[in-house]
Amino acid sequence: MTSLNVLVVDDNPTNRLLPGLFLSPLGHRVSECDSADQALAWLANHPCDLVLLDISMPLVSGLELCQQLRRQASLKHLKIIAYTAHAVPHEVQLLRDAGFDQVLIKPIRSQDLFEAIQI
């Protein structure tokens, strides 16, 4: 399997840690950002295959960031997975309609994450 460049964007340091614990041992490169602005700057300078994106962040929400990323032609290939503690079925569909490829509910389990990124 090809290793992925993964960016985890979450304002909570603990929530940024868990995906890396699951993915790094499998050879994936995991980077972290704590805000939408930091993520945009990181993405402008680094290759990325997958973004795990928290929905509830201060200033710019994960939903808003996803929409910004989807408007950038250079990032059309990017797989974006919502990473949220609050999502009922109706909200999950809204997130998918907004441009997310998948939705994971926190706390995530390794198997759910592996299925979402298809490894």
PDB file of N, CA and C in Angstrom:
ATOM      1  N   MET A   1       0.828  -1.178   0.000  1.00  0.00           N
ATOM      2  CA  MET A   1       0.000   0.000   0.000  1.00  0.00           C
ATOM      3  C   MET A   1       0.880   1.252   0.000  1.00  0.00           C
ATOM      4  N   THR A   2       0.426   2.243  -0.717  1.00  0.00           N
ATOM      5  CA  THR A   2       1.127   3.508  -0.771  1.00  0.00           C
ATOM      6  C   THR A   2       0.923   4.274   0.532  1.00  0.00           C
ATOM      7  N   SER A   3       1.985   4.892   1.023  1.00  0.00           N
ATOM      8  CA  SER A   3       1.826   5.704   2.230  1.00  0.00           C
ATOM      9  C   SER A   3       1.169   7.022   1.854  1.00  0.00           C
ATOM     10  N   LEU A   4       0.380   7.543   2.771  1.00  0.00           N
ATOM     11  CA  LEU A   4      -0.361   8.769   2.554  1.00  0.00           C
ATOM     12  C   LEU A   4       0.248   9.913   3.354  1.00  0.00           C
ATOM     13  N   ASN A   5       0.110  11.107   2.815  1.00  0.00           N
ATOM     14  CA  ASN A   5       0.403  12.328   3.551  1.00  0.00           C
ATOM     15  C   ASN A   5      -0.930  12.801   4.119  1.00  0.00           C
ATOM     16  N   VAL A   6      -1.037  12.774   5.442  1.00  0.00           N
ATOM     17  CA  VAL A   6      -2.292  13.070   6.119  1.00  0.00           C
ATOM     18  C   VAL A   6      -2.121  14.327   6.957  1.00  0.00           C
ATOM     19  N   LEU A   7      -3.108  15.213   6.877  1.00  0.00           N
ATOM     20  CA  LEU A   7      -3.137  16.401   7.720  1.00  0.00           C
ATOM     21  C   LEU A   7      -4.340  16.304   8.641  1.00  0.00           C
ATOM     22  N   VAL A   8      -4.109  16.418   9.947  1.00  0.00           N
ATOM     23  CA  VAL A   8      -5.180  16.421  10.946  1.00  0.00           C
ATOM     24  C   VAL A   8      -5.344  17.862  11.414  1.00  0.00           C
ATOM     25  N   VAL A   9      -6.564  18.390  11.249  1.00  0.00           N
ATOM     26  CA  VAL A   9      -6.842  19.779  11.627  1.00  0.00           C
ATOM     27  C   VAL A   9      -7.893  19.769  12.737  1.00  0.00           C
ATOM     28  N   ASP A  10      -7.476  20.179  13.922  1.00  0.00           N
ATOM     29  CA  ASP A  10      -8.364  20.187  15.084  1.00  0.00           C
ATOM     30  C   ASP A  10      -7.778  21.152  16.103  1.00  0.00           C
ATOM     31  N   ASP A  11      -8.623  21.932  16.744  1.00  0.00           N
ATOM     32  CA  ASP A  11      -8.134  22.889  17.739  1.00  0.00           C
ATOM     33  C   ASP A  11      -7.796  22.213  19.067  1.00  0.00           C
ATOM     34  N   ASN A  12      -8.169  20.952  19.236  1.00  0.00           N
ATOM     35  CA  ASN A  12      -7.895  20.215  20.460  1.00  0.00           C
ATOM     36  C   ASN A  12      -6.674  19.307  20.254  1.00  0.00           C
ATOM     37  N   PRO A  13      -5.590  19.536  21.010  1.00  0.00           N
ATOM     38  CA  PRO A  13      -4.366  18.743  20.819  1.00  0.00           C
ATOM     39  C   PRO A  13      -4.569  17.232  20.994  1.00  0.00           C
ATOM     40  N   THR A  14      -5.404  16.830  21.926  1.00  0.00           N
ATOM     41  CA  THR A  14      -5.649  15.407  22.148  1.00  0.00           C
ATOM     42  C   THR A  14      -6.310  14.778  20.923  1.00  0.00           C
ATOM     43  N   ASN A  15      -7.251  15.492  20.335  1.00  0.00           N
ATOM     44  CA  ASN A  15      -7.938  14.972  19.151  1.00  0.00           C
ATOM     45  C   ASN A  15      -7.015  14.895  17.939  1.00  0.00           C
ATOM     46  N   ARG A  16      -5.999  15.728  17.895  1.00  0.00           N
ATOM     47  CA  ARG A  16      -5.024  15.654  16.797  1.00  0.00           C
ATOM     48  C   ARG A  16      -4.098  14.453  16.969  1.00  0.00           C
ATOM     49  N   LEU A  17      -3.883  14.026  18.181  1.00  0.00           N
ATOM     50  CA  LEU A  17      -2.937  12.957  18.478  1.00  0.00           C
ATOM     51  C   LEU A  17      -3.410  11.573  18.019  1.00  0.00           C
ATOM     52  N   LEU A  18      -4.669  11.248  18.251  1.00  0.00           N
ATOM     53  CA  LEU A  18      -5.175   9.901  18.023  1.00  0.00           C
ATOM     54  C   LEU A  18      -5.013   9.401  16.579  1.00  0.00           C
ATOM     55  N   PRO A  19      -5.388  10.168  15.560  1.00  0.00           N
ATOM     56  CA  PRO A  19      -5.202   9.647  14.192  1.00  0.00           C
ATOM     57  C   PRO A  19      -3.745   9.297  13.881  1.00  0.00           C
ATOM     58  N   GLY A  20      -2.828  10.086  14.378  1.00  0.00           N
ATOM     59  CA  GLY A  20      -1.413   9.795  14.161  1.00  0.00           C
ATOM     60  C   GLY A  20      -0.984   8.491  14.817  1.00  0.00           C
ATOM     61  N   LEU A  21      -1.546   8.211  15.992  1.00  0.00           N
ATOM     62  CA  LEU A  21      -1.232   6.951  16.674  1.00  0.00           C
ATOM     63  C   LEU A  21      -1.719   5.748  15.868  1.00  0.00           C
ATOM     64  N   PHE A  22      -2.814   5.912  15.156  1.00  0.00           N
ATOM     65  CA  PHE A  22      -3.336   4.833  14.315  1.00  0.00           C
ATOM     66  C   PHE A  22      -2.595   4.718  12.993  1.00  0.00           C
ATOM     67  N   LEU A  23      -2.264   5.848  12.384  1.00  0.00           N
ATOM     68  CA  LEU A  23      -1.759   5.852  11.007  1.00  0.00           C
ATOM     69  C   LEU A  23      -0.241   5.794  10.880  1.00  0.00           C
ATOM     70  N   SER A  24       0.477   6.430  11.771  1.00  0.00           N
ATOM     71  CA  SER A  24       1.942   6.465  11.664  1.00  0.00           C
ATOM     72  C   SER A  24       2.587   5.082  11.671  1.00  0.00           C
ATOM     73  N   PRO A  25       2.150   4.146  12.535  1.00  0.00           N
ATOM     74  CA  PRO A  25       2.770   2.815  12.516  1.00  0.00           C
ATOM     75  C   PRO A  25       2.580   2.070  11.182  1.00  0.00           C
ATOM     76  N   LEU A  26       1.611   2.501  10.390  1.00  0.00           N
ATOM     77  CA  LEU A  26       1.365   1.877   9.089  1.00  0.00           C
ATOM     78  C   LEU A  26       2.174   2.541   7.977  1.00  0.00           C
ATOM     79  N   GLY A  27       3.006   3.506   8.349  1.00  0.00           N
ATOM     80  CA  GLY A  27       3.868   4.164   7.376  1.00  0.00           C
ATOM     81  C   GLY A  27       3.326   5.443   6.783  1.00  0.00           C
ATOM     82  N   HIS A  28       2.188   5.900   7.259  1.00  0.00           N
ATOM     83  CA  HIS A  28       1.627   7.153   6.754  1.00  0.00           C
ATOM     84  C   HIS A  28       2.280   8.329   7.482  1.00  0.00           C
ATOM     85  N   ARG A  29       2.465   9.426   6.764  1.00  0.00           N
ATOM     86  CA  ARG A  29       3.041  10.632   7.343  1.00  0.00           C
ATOM     87  C   ARG A  29       1.892  11.532   7.818  1.00  0.00           C
ATOM     88  N   VAL A  30       1.873  11.802   9.105  1.00  0.00           N
ATOM     89  CA  VAL A  30       0.775  12.561   9.699  1.00  0.00           C
ATOM     90  C   VAL A  30       1.307  13.886  10.233  1.00  0.00           C
ATOM     91  N   SER A  31       0.678  14.971   9.785  1.00  0.00           N
ATOM     92  CA  SER A  31       1.005  16.309  10.270  1.00  0.00           C
ATOM     93  C   SER A  31      -0.229  16.883  10.950  1.00  0.00           C
ATOM     94  N   GLU A  32      -0.014  17.901  11.769  1.00  0.00           N
ATOM     95  CA  GLU A  32      -1.110  18.472  12.548  1.00  0.00           C
ATOM     96  C   GLU A  32      -1.152  19.986  12.402  1.00  0.00           C
ATOM     97  N   CYS A  33      -2.375  20.516  12.388  1.00  0.00           N
ATOM     98  CA  CYS A  33      -2.612  21.961  12.439  1.00  0.00           C
ATOM     99  C   CYS A  33      -3.753  22.202  13.417  1.00  0.00           C
ATOM    100  N   ASP A  34      -3.730  23.373  14.068  1.00  0.00           N
ATOM    101  CA  ASP A  34      -4.760  23.644  15.062  1.00  0.00           C
ATOM    102  C   ASP A  34      -5.811  24.655  14.613  1.00  0.00           C
ATOM    103  N   SER A  35      -5.748  25.100  13.347  1.00  0.00           N
ATOM    104  CA  SER A  35      -6.733  26.075  12.869  1.00  0.00           C
ATOM    105  C   SER A  35      -6.829  26.005  11.351  1.00  0.00           C
ATOM    106  N   ALA A  36      -7.881  26.597  10.835  1.00  0.00           N
ATOM    107  CA  ALA A  36      -8.063  26.649   9.380  1.00  0.00           C
ATOM    108  C   ALA A  36      -6.944  27.449   8.718  1.00  0.00           C
ATOM    109  N   ASP A  37      -6.581  28.570   9.298  1.00  0.00           N
ATOM    110  CA  ASP A  37      -5.511  29.393   8.718  1.00  0.00           C
ATOM    111  C   ASP A  37      -4.191  28.636   8.663  1.00  0.00           C
ATOM    112  N   GLN A  38      -3.875  27.937   9.731  1.00  0.00           N
ATOM    113  CA  GLN A  38      -2.638  27.164   9.764  1.00  0.00           C
ATOM    114  C   GLN A  38      -2.704  26.037   8.722  1.00  0.00           C
ATOM    115  N   ALA A  39      -3.859  25.418   8.575  1.00  0.00           N
ATOM    116  CA  ALA A  39      -4.015  24.341   7.590  1.00  0.00           C
ATOM    117  C   ALA A  39      -3.843  24.860   6.172  1.00  0.00           C
ATOM    118  N   LEU A  40      -4.424  26.004   5.866  1.00  0.00           N
ATOM    119  CA  LEU A  40      -4.281  26.578   4.522  1.00  0.00           C
ATOM    120  C   LEU A  40      -2.817  26.875   4.209  1.00  0.00           C
ATOM    121  N   ALA A  41      -2.106  27.416   5.178  1.00  0.00           N
ATOM    122  CA  ALA A  41      -0.684  27.722   4.977  1.00  0.00           C
ATOM    123  C   ALA A  41       0.110  26.429   4.792  1.00  0.00           C
ATOM    124  N   TRP A  42      -0.196  25.410   5.577  1.00  0.00           N
ATOM    125  CA  TRP A  42       0.515  24.135   5.470  1.00  0.00           C
ATOM    126  C   TRP A  42       0.250  23.505   4.106  1.00  0.00           C
ATOM    127  N   LEU A  43      -1.014  23.484   3.685  1.00  0.00           N
ATOM    128  CA  LEU A  43      -1.374  22.867   2.408  1.00  0.00           C
ATOM    129  C   LEU A  43      -0.751  23.582   1.217  1.00  0.00           C
ATOM    130  N   ALA A  44      -0.487  24.864   1.353  1.00  0.00           N
ATOM    131  CA  ALA A  44       0.140  25.621   0.264  1.00  0.00           C
ATOM    132  C   ALA A  44       1.593  25.209   0.041  1.00  0.00           C
ATOM    133  N   ASN A  45       2.194  24.552   1.040  1.00  0.00           N
ATOM    134  CA  ASN A  45       3.620  24.232   0.965  1.00  0.00           C
ATOM    135  C   ASN A  45       3.968  22.757   1.099  1.00  0.00           C
ATOM    136  N   HIS A  46       2.960  21.891   1.219  1.00  0.00           N
ATOM    137  CA  HIS A  46       3.223  20.463   1.435  1.00  0.00           C
ATOM    138  C   HIS A  46       2.259  19.616   0.606  1.00  0.00           C
ATOM    139  N   PRO A  47       2.731  18.490   0.103  1.00  0.00           N
ATOM    140  CA  PRO A  47       1.809  17.578  -0.578  1.00  0.00           C
ATOM    141  C   PRO A  47       0.898  16.914   0.450  1.00  0.00           C
ATOM    142  N   CYS A  48      -0.328  16.667   0.055  1.00  0.00           N
ATOM    143  CA  CYS A  48      -1.280  16.065   0.984  1.00  0.00           C
ATOM    144  C   CYS A  48      -2.273  15.212   0.202  1.00  0.00           C
ATOM    145  N   ASP A  49      -2.600  14.056   0.760  1.00  0.00           N
ATOM    146  CA  ASP A  49      -3.575  13.151   0.153  1.00  0.00           C
ATOM    147  C   ASP A  49      -4.910  13.171   0.884  1.00  0.00           C
ATOM    148  N   LEU A  50      -4.855  13.432   2.191  1.00  0.00           N
ATOM    149  CA  LEU A  50      -6.026  13.285   3.035  1.00  0.00           C
ATOM    150  C   LEU A  50      -6.004  14.316   4.151  1.00  0.00           C
ATOM    151  N   VAL A  51      -7.171  14.925   4.399  1.00  0.00           N
ATOM    152  CA  VAL A  51      -7.322  15.845   5.527  1.00  0.00           C
ATOM    153  C   VAL A  51      -8.417  15.306   6.441  1.00  0.00           C
ATOM    154  N   LEU A  52      -8.083  15.133   7.722  1.00  0.00           N
ATOM    155  CA  LEU A  52      -9.073  14.847   8.760  1.00  0.00           C
ATOM    156  C   LEU A  52      -9.386  16.188   9.398  1.00  0.00           C
ATOM    157  N   LEU A  53     -10.632  16.618   9.293  1.00  0.00           N
ATOM    158  CA  LEU A  53     -10.975  17.997   9.599  1.00  0.00           C
ATOM    159  C   LEU A  53     -12.075  18.083  10.647  1.00  0.00           C
ATOM    160  N   ASP A  54     -11.740  18.654  11.793  1.00  0.00           N
ATOM    161  CA  ASP A  54     -12.720  18.906  12.845  1.00  0.00           C
ATOM    162  C   ASP A  54     -13.736  19.918  12.345  1.00  0.00           C
ATOM    163  N   ILE A  55     -14.982  19.738  12.716  1.00  0.00           N
ATOM    164  CA  ILE A  55     -16.030  20.657  12.285  1.00  0.00           C
ATOM    165  C   ILE A  55     -16.105  21.880  13.196  1.00  0.00           C
ATOM    166  N   SER A  56     -16.054  21.671  14.503  1.00  0.00           N
ATOM    167  CA  SER A  56     -16.233  22.765  15.469  1.00  0.00           C
ATOM    168  C   SER A  56     -14.899  23.362  15.875  1.00  0.00           C
ATOM    169  N   MET A  57     -14.473  24.368  15.112  1.00  0.00           N
ATOM    170  CA  MET A  57     -13.243  25.089  15.451  1.00  0.00           C
ATOM    171  C   MET A  57     -13.565  26.573  15.545  1.00  0.00           C
ATOM    172  N   PRO A  58     -12.822  27.308  16.365  1.00  0.00           N
ATOM    173  CA  PRO A  58     -13.057  28.749  16.472  1.00  0.00           C
ATOM    174  C   PRO A  58     -12.647  29.477  15.194  1.00  0.00           C
ATOM    175  N   LEU A  59     -13.213  30.620  14.974  1.00  0.00           N
ATOM    176  CA  LEU A  59     -12.961  31.505  13.842  1.00  0.00           C
ATOM    177  C   LEU A  59     -13.473  30.930  12.527  1.00  0.00           C
ATOM    178  N   VAL A  60     -12.800  29.947  11.963  1.00  0.00           N
ATOM    179  CA  VAL A  60     -13.246  29.329  10.709  1.00  0.00           C
ATOM    180  C   VAL A  60     -13.564  27.864  11.003  1.00  0.00           C
ATOM    181  N   SER A  61     -14.804  27.471  10.776  1.00  0.00           N
ATOM    182  CA  SER A  61     -15.215  26.096  11.067  1.00  0.00           C
ATOM    183  C   SER A  61     -14.633  25.130  10.040  1.00  0.00           C
ATOM    184  N   GLY A  62     -14.660  23.859  10.384  1.00  0.00           N
ATOM    185  CA  GLY A  62     -14.228  22.838   9.448  1.00  0.00           C
ATOM    186  C   GLY A  62     -15.082  22.817   8.195  1.00  0.00           C
ATOM    187  N   LEU A  63     -16.362  23.097   8.340  1.00  0.00           N
ATOM    188  CA  LEU A  63     -17.257  23.163   7.183  1.00  0.00           C
ATOM    189  C   LEU A  63     -16.820  24.266   6.225  1.00  0.00           C
ATOM    190  N   GLU A  64     -16.536  25.436   6.771  1.00  0.00           N
ATOM    191  CA  GLU A  64     -16.075  26.550   5.936  1.00  0.00           C
ATOM    192  C   GLU A  64     -14.740  26.228   5.270  1.00  0.00           C
ATOM    193  N   LEU A  65     -13.823  25.606   6.019  1.00  0.00           N
ATOM    194  CA  LEU A  65     -12.528  25.257   5.449  1.00  0.00           C
ATOM    195  C   LEU A  65     -12.692  24.233   4.332  1.00  0.00           C
ATOM    196  N   CYS A  66     -13.531  23.243   4.524  1.00  0.00           N
ATOM    197  CA  CYS A  66     -13.778  22.249   3.481  1.00  0.00           C
ATOM    198  C   CYS A  66     -14.254  22.935   2.199  1.00  0.00           C
ATOM    199  N   GLN A  67     -15.181  23.854   2.332  1.00  0.00           N
ATOM    200  CA  GLN A  67     -15.698  24.560   1.160  1.00  0.00           C
ATOM    201  C   GLN A  67     -14.595  25.378   0.481  1.00  0.00           C
ATOM    202  N   GLN A  68     -13.723  26.003   1.261  1.00  0.00           N
ATOM    203  CA  GLN A  68     -12.594  26.746   0.683  1.00  0.00           C
ATOM    204  C   GLN A  68     -11.666  25.804  -0.080  1.00  0.00           C
ATOM    205  N   LEU A  69     -11.381  24.651   0.497  1.00  0.00           N
ATOM    206  CA  LEU A  69     -10.481  23.691  -0.141  1.00  0.00           C
ATOM    207  C   LEU A  69     -11.085  23.154  -1.433  1.00  0.00           C
ATOM    208  N   ARG A  70     -12.376  22.907  -1.444  1.00  0.00           N
ATOM    209  CA  ARG A  70     -13.038  22.378  -2.635  1.00  0.00           C
ATOM    210  C   ARG A  70     -13.042  23.385  -3.787  1.00  0.00           C
ATOM    211  N   ARG A  71     -12.926  24.658  -3.478  1.00  0.00           N
ATOM    212  CA  ARG A  71     -12.882  25.690  -4.530  1.00  0.00           C
ATOM    213  C   ARG A  71     -11.502  25.837  -5.165  1.00  0.00           C
ATOM    214  N   GLN A  72     -10.479  25.220  -4.566  1.00  0.00           N
ATOM    215  CA  GLN A  72      -9.117  25.339  -5.090  1.00  0.00           C
ATOM    216  C   GLN A  72      -8.826  24.203  -6.061  1.00  0.00           C
ATOM    217  N   ALA A  73      -8.621  24.533  -7.305  1.00  0.00           N
ATOM    218  CA  ALA A  73      -8.383  23.525  -8.342  1.00  0.00           C
ATOM    219  C   ALA A  73      -7.195  22.631  -8.001  1.00  0.00           C
ATOM    220  N   SER A  74      -6.178  23.187  -7.392  1.00  0.00           N
ATOM    221  CA  SER A  74      -4.977  22.406  -7.073  1.00  0.00           C
ATOM    222  C   SER A  74      -5.219  21.354  -5.983  1.00  0.00           C
ATOM    223  N   LEU A  75      -6.365  21.438  -5.305  1.00  0.00           N
ATOM    224  CA  LEU A  75      -6.660  20.498  -4.216  1.00  0.00           C
ATOM    225  C   LEU A  75      -7.865  19.603  -4.525  1.00  0.00           C
ATOM    226  N   LYS A  76      -8.274  19.547  -5.773  1.00  0.00           N
ATOM    227  CA  LYS A  76      -9.439  18.739  -6.152  1.00  0.00           C
ATOM    228  C   LYS A  76      -9.256  17.264  -5.796  1.00  0.00           C
ATOM    229  N   HIS A  77      -8.019  16.777  -5.840  1.00  0.00           N
ATOM    230  CA  HIS A  77      -7.727  15.369  -5.553  1.00  0.00           C
ATOM    231  C   HIS A  77      -7.846  15.027  -4.069  1.00  0.00           C
ATOM    232  N   LEU A  78      -7.841  16.033  -3.231  1.00  0.00           N
ATOM    233  CA  LEU A  78      -7.754  15.851  -1.785  1.00  0.00           C
ATOM    234  C   LEU A  78      -8.987  15.134  -1.235  1.00  0.00           C
ATOM    235  N   LYS A  79      -8.755  14.091  -0.452  1.00  0.00           N
ATOM    236  CA  LYS A  79      -9.839  13.434   0.261  1.00  0.00           C
ATOM    237  C   LYS A  79      -9.990  14.155   1.592  1.00  0.00           C
ATOM    238  N   ILE A  80     -11.224  14.574   1.905  1.00  0.00           N
ATOM    239  CA  ILE A  80     -11.476  15.325   3.133  1.00  0.00           C
ATOM    240  C   ILE A  80     -12.506  14.564   3.958  1.00  0.00           C
ATOM    241  N   ILE A  81     -12.110  14.247   5.183  1.00  0.00           N
ATOM    242  CA  ILE A  81     -12.979  13.508   6.092  1.00  0.00           C
ATOM    243  C   ILE A  81     -13.319  14.388   7.283  1.00  0.00           C
ATOM    244  N   ALA A  82     -14.629  14.578   7.511  1.00  0.00           N
ATOM    245  CA  ALA A  82     -15.081  15.308   8.695  1.00  0.00           C
ATOM    246  C   ALA A  82     -14.797  14.442   9.925  1.00  0.00           C
ATOM    247  N   TYR A  83     -14.424  15.116  10.993  1.00  0.00           N
ATOM    248  CA  TYR A  83     -13.967  14.472  12.210  1.00  0.00           C
ATOM    249  C   TYR A  83     -14.665  15.226  13.334  1.00  0.00           C
ATOM    250  N   THR A  84     -15.844  14.732  13.771  1.00  0.00           N
ATOM    251  CA  THR A  84     -16.685  15.527  14.645  1.00  0.00           C
ATOM    252  C   THR A  84     -17.303  14.710  15.773  1.00  0.00           C
ATOM    253  N   ALA A  85     -17.596  15.369  16.874  1.00  0.00           N
ATOM    254  CA  ALA A  85     -18.263  14.713  18.004  1.00  0.00           C
ATOM    255  C   ALA A  85     -19.779  14.843  17.893  1.00  0.00           C
ATOM    256  N   HIS A  86     -20.242  15.726  17.039  1.00  0.00           N
ATOM    257  CA  HIS A  86     -21.674  16.029  16.971  1.00  0.00           C
ATOM    258  C   HIS A  86     -22.191  15.871  15.550  1.00  0.00           C
ATOM    259  N   ALA A  87     -22.814  14.741  15.279  1.00  0.00           N
ATOM    260  CA  ALA A  87     -23.414  14.568  13.957  1.00  0.00           C
ATOM    261  C   ALA A  87     -24.529  13.537  14.024  1.00  0.00           C
ATOM    262  N   VAL A  88     -25.731  14.008  13.797  1.00  0.00           N
ATOM    263  CA  VAL A  88     -26.876  13.114  13.645  1.00  0.00           C
ATOM    264  C   VAL A  88     -27.008  12.829  12.158  1.00  0.00           C
ATOM    265  N   PRO A  89     -27.787  11.825  11.763  1.00  0.00           N
ATOM    266  CA  PRO A  89     -27.856  11.460  10.341  1.00  0.00           C
ATOM    267  C   PRO A  89     -28.106  12.638   9.389  1.00  0.00           C
ATOM    268  N   HIS A  90     -28.981  13.539   9.765  1.00  0.00           N
ATOM    269  CA  HIS A  90     -29.254  14.697   8.905  1.00  0.00           C
ATOM    270  C   HIS A  90     -27.997  15.564   8.734  1.00  0.00           C
ATOM    271  N   GLU A  91     -27.259  15.765   9.811  1.00  0.00           N
ATOM    272  CA  GLU A  91     -26.034  16.562   9.745  1.00  0.00           C
ATOM    273  C   GLU A  91     -24.964  15.863   8.920  1.00  0.00           C
ATOM    274  N   VAL A  92     -24.895  14.540   9.000  1.00  0.00           N
ATOM    275  CA  VAL A  92     -23.934  13.790   8.200  1.00  0.00           C
ATOM    276  C   VAL A  92     -24.180  14.057   6.721  1.00  0.00           C
ATOM    277  N   GLN A  93     -25.432  14.041   6.300  1.00  0.00           N
ATOM    278  CA  GLN A  93     -25.742  14.307   4.895  1.00  0.00           C
ATOM    279  C   GLN A  93     -25.389  15.740   4.512  1.00  0.00           C
ATOM    280  N   LEU A  94     -25.627  16.687   5.412  1.00  0.00           N
ATOM    281  CA  LEU A  94     -25.256  18.075   5.135  1.00  0.00           C
ATOM    282  C   LEU A  94     -23.738  18.204   4.933  1.00  0.00           C
ATOM    283  N   LEU A  95     -22.971  17.498   5.749  1.00  0.00           N
ATOM    284  CA  LEU A  95     -21.513  17.537   5.618  1.00  0.00           C
ATOM    285  C   LEU A  95     -21.071  16.928   4.291  1.00  0.00           C
ATOM    286  N   ARG A  96     -21.693  15.836   3.901  1.00  0.00           N
ATOM    287  CA  ARG A  96     -21.356  15.221   2.612  1.00  0.00           C
ATOM    288  C   ARG A  96     -21.713  16.169   1.466  1.00  0.00           C
ATOM    289  N   ASP A  97     -22.875  16.802   1.570  1.00  0.00           N
ATOM    290  CA  ASP A  97     -23.305  17.748   0.533  1.00  0.00           C
ATOM    291  C   ASP A  97     -22.365  18.951   0.444  1.00  0.00           C
ATOM    292  N   ALA A  98     -21.723  19.284   1.566  1.00  0.00           N
ATOM    293  CA  ALA A  98     -20.809  20.436   1.597  1.00  0.00           C
ATOM    294  C   ALA A  98     -19.435  20.103   1.014  1.00  0.00           C
ATOM    295  N   GLY A  99     -19.170  18.809   0.737  1.00  0.00           N
ATOM    296  CA  GLY A  99     -17.907  18.461   0.108  1.00  0.00           C
ATOM    297  C   GLY A  99     -17.053  17.444   0.834  1.00  0.00           C
ATOM    298  N   PHE A 100     -17.488  16.984   1.998  1.00  0.00           N
ATOM    299  CA  PHE A 100     -16.716  15.966   2.707  1.00  0.00           C
ATOM    300  C   PHE A 100     -16.912  14.612   2.035  1.00  0.00           C
ATOM    301  N   ASP A 101     -15.837  13.832   1.951  1.00  0.00           N
ATOM    302  CA  ASP A 101     -15.917  12.496   1.378  1.00  0.00           C
ATOM    303  C   ASP A 101     -16.490  11.485   2.358  1.00  0.00           C
ATOM    304  N   GLN A 102     -16.182  11.669   3.628  1.00  0.00           N
ATOM    305  CA  GLN A 102     -16.629  10.768   4.691  1.00  0.00           C
ATOM    306  C   GLN A 102     -16.849  11.584   5.953  1.00  0.00           C
ATOM    307  N   VAL A 103     -17.552  10.973   6.915  1.00  0.00           N
ATOM    308  CA  VAL A 103     -17.762  11.601   8.213  1.00  0.00           C
ATOM    309  C   VAL A 103     -17.451  10.567   9.292  1.00  0.00           C
ATOM    310  N   LEU A 104     -16.535  10.913  10.191  1.00  0.00           N
ATOM    311  CA  LEU A 104     -16.199  10.074  11.342  1.00  0.00           C
ATOM    312  C   LEU A 104     -16.691  10.760  12.611  1.00  0.00           C
ATOM    313  N   ILE A 105     -17.215   9.954  13.523  1.00  0.00           N
ATOM    314  CA  ILE A 105     -17.706  10.481  14.792  1.00  0.00           C
ATOM    315  C   ILE A 105     -16.654  10.232  15.863  1.00  0.00           C
ATOM    316  N   LYS A 106     -16.296  11.282  16.612  1.00  0.00           N
ATOM    317  CA  LYS A 106     -15.345  11.174  17.718  1.00  0.00           C
ATOM    318  C   LYS A 106     -16.028  10.527  18.906  1.00  0.00           C
ATOM    319  N   PRO A 107     -15.333   9.788  19.714  1.00  0.00           N
ATOM    320  CA  PRO A 107     -13.944   9.391  19.502  1.00  0.00           C
ATOM    321  C   PRO A 107     -13.876   8.319  18.409  1.00  0.00           C
ATOM    322  N   ILE A 108     -12.916   8.472  17.540  1.00  0.00           N
ATOM    323  CA  ILE A 108     -12.822   7.518  16.435  1.00  0.00           C
ATOM    324  C   ILE A 108     -12.175   6.221  16.894  1.00  0.00           C
ATOM    325  N   ARG A 109     -12.536   5.166  16.190  1.00  0.00           N
ATOM    326  CA  ARG A 109     -11.904   3.870  16.399  1.00  0.00           C
ATOM    327  C   ARG A 109     -10.999   3.620  15.198  1.00  0.00           C
ATOM    328  N   SER A 110      -9.937   2.887  15.408  1.00  0.00           N
ATOM    329  CA  SER A 110      -8.984   2.644  14.326  1.00  0.00           C
ATOM    330  C   SER A 110      -9.670   2.022  13.115  1.00  0.00           C
ATOM    331  N   GLN A 111     -10.540   1.050  13.328  1.00  0.00           N
ATOM    332  CA  GLN A 111     -11.195   0.375  12.205  1.00  0.00           C
ATOM    333  C   GLN A 111     -12.051   1.348  11.393  1.00  0.00           C
ATOM    334  N   ASP A 112     -12.755   2.260  12.072  1.00  0.00           N
ATOM    335  CA  ASP A 112     -13.562   3.254  11.366  1.00  0.00           C
ATOM    336  C   ASP A 112     -12.685   4.156  10.505  1.00  0.00           C
ATOM    337  N   LEU A 113     -11.549   4.554  11.060  1.00  0.00           N
ATOM    338  CA  LEU A 113     -10.628   5.408  10.311  1.00  0.00           C
ATOM    339  C   LEU A 113     -10.061   4.650   9.111  1.00  0.00           C
ATOM    340  N   PHE A 114      -9.640   3.413   9.304  1.00  0.00           N
ATOM    341  CA  PHE A 114      -9.080   2.622   8.214  1.00  0.00           C
ATOM    342  C   PHE A 114     -10.110   2.419   7.102  1.00  0.00           C
ATOM    343  N   GLU A 115     -11.363   2.174   7.478  1.00  0.00           N
ATOM    344  CA  GLU A 115     -12.415   2.009   6.472  1.00  0.00           C
ATOM    345  C   GLU A 115     -12.661   3.312   5.728  1.00  0.00           C
ATOM    346  N   ALA A 116     -12.642   4.433   6.442  1.00  0.00           N
ATOM    347  CA  ALA A 116     -12.909   5.729   5.811  1.00  0.00           C
ATOM    348  C   ALA A 116     -11.839   6.088   4.782  1.00  0.00           C
ATOM    349  N   ILE A 117     -10.591   5.695   5.061  1.00  0.00           N
ATOM    350  CA  ILE A 117      -9.529   6.023   4.108  1.00  0.00           C
ATOM    351  C   ILE A 117      -9.179   4.825   3.232  1.00  0.00           C
ATOM    352  N   GLN A 118      -9.915   3.731   3.440  1.00  0.00           N
ATOM    353  CA  GLN A 118      -9.795   2.523   2.613  1.00  0.00           C
ATOM    354  C   GLN A 118      -8.404   1.901   2.647  1.00  0.00           C
ATOM    355  N   ILE A 119      -7.974   1.593   3.872  1.00  0.00           N
ATOM    356  CA  ILE A 119      -6.704   0.840   3.990  1.00  0.00           C
ATOM    357  C   ILE A 119      -6.971  -0.465   4.697  1.00  0.00           C
TER     358      ILE A 119
END
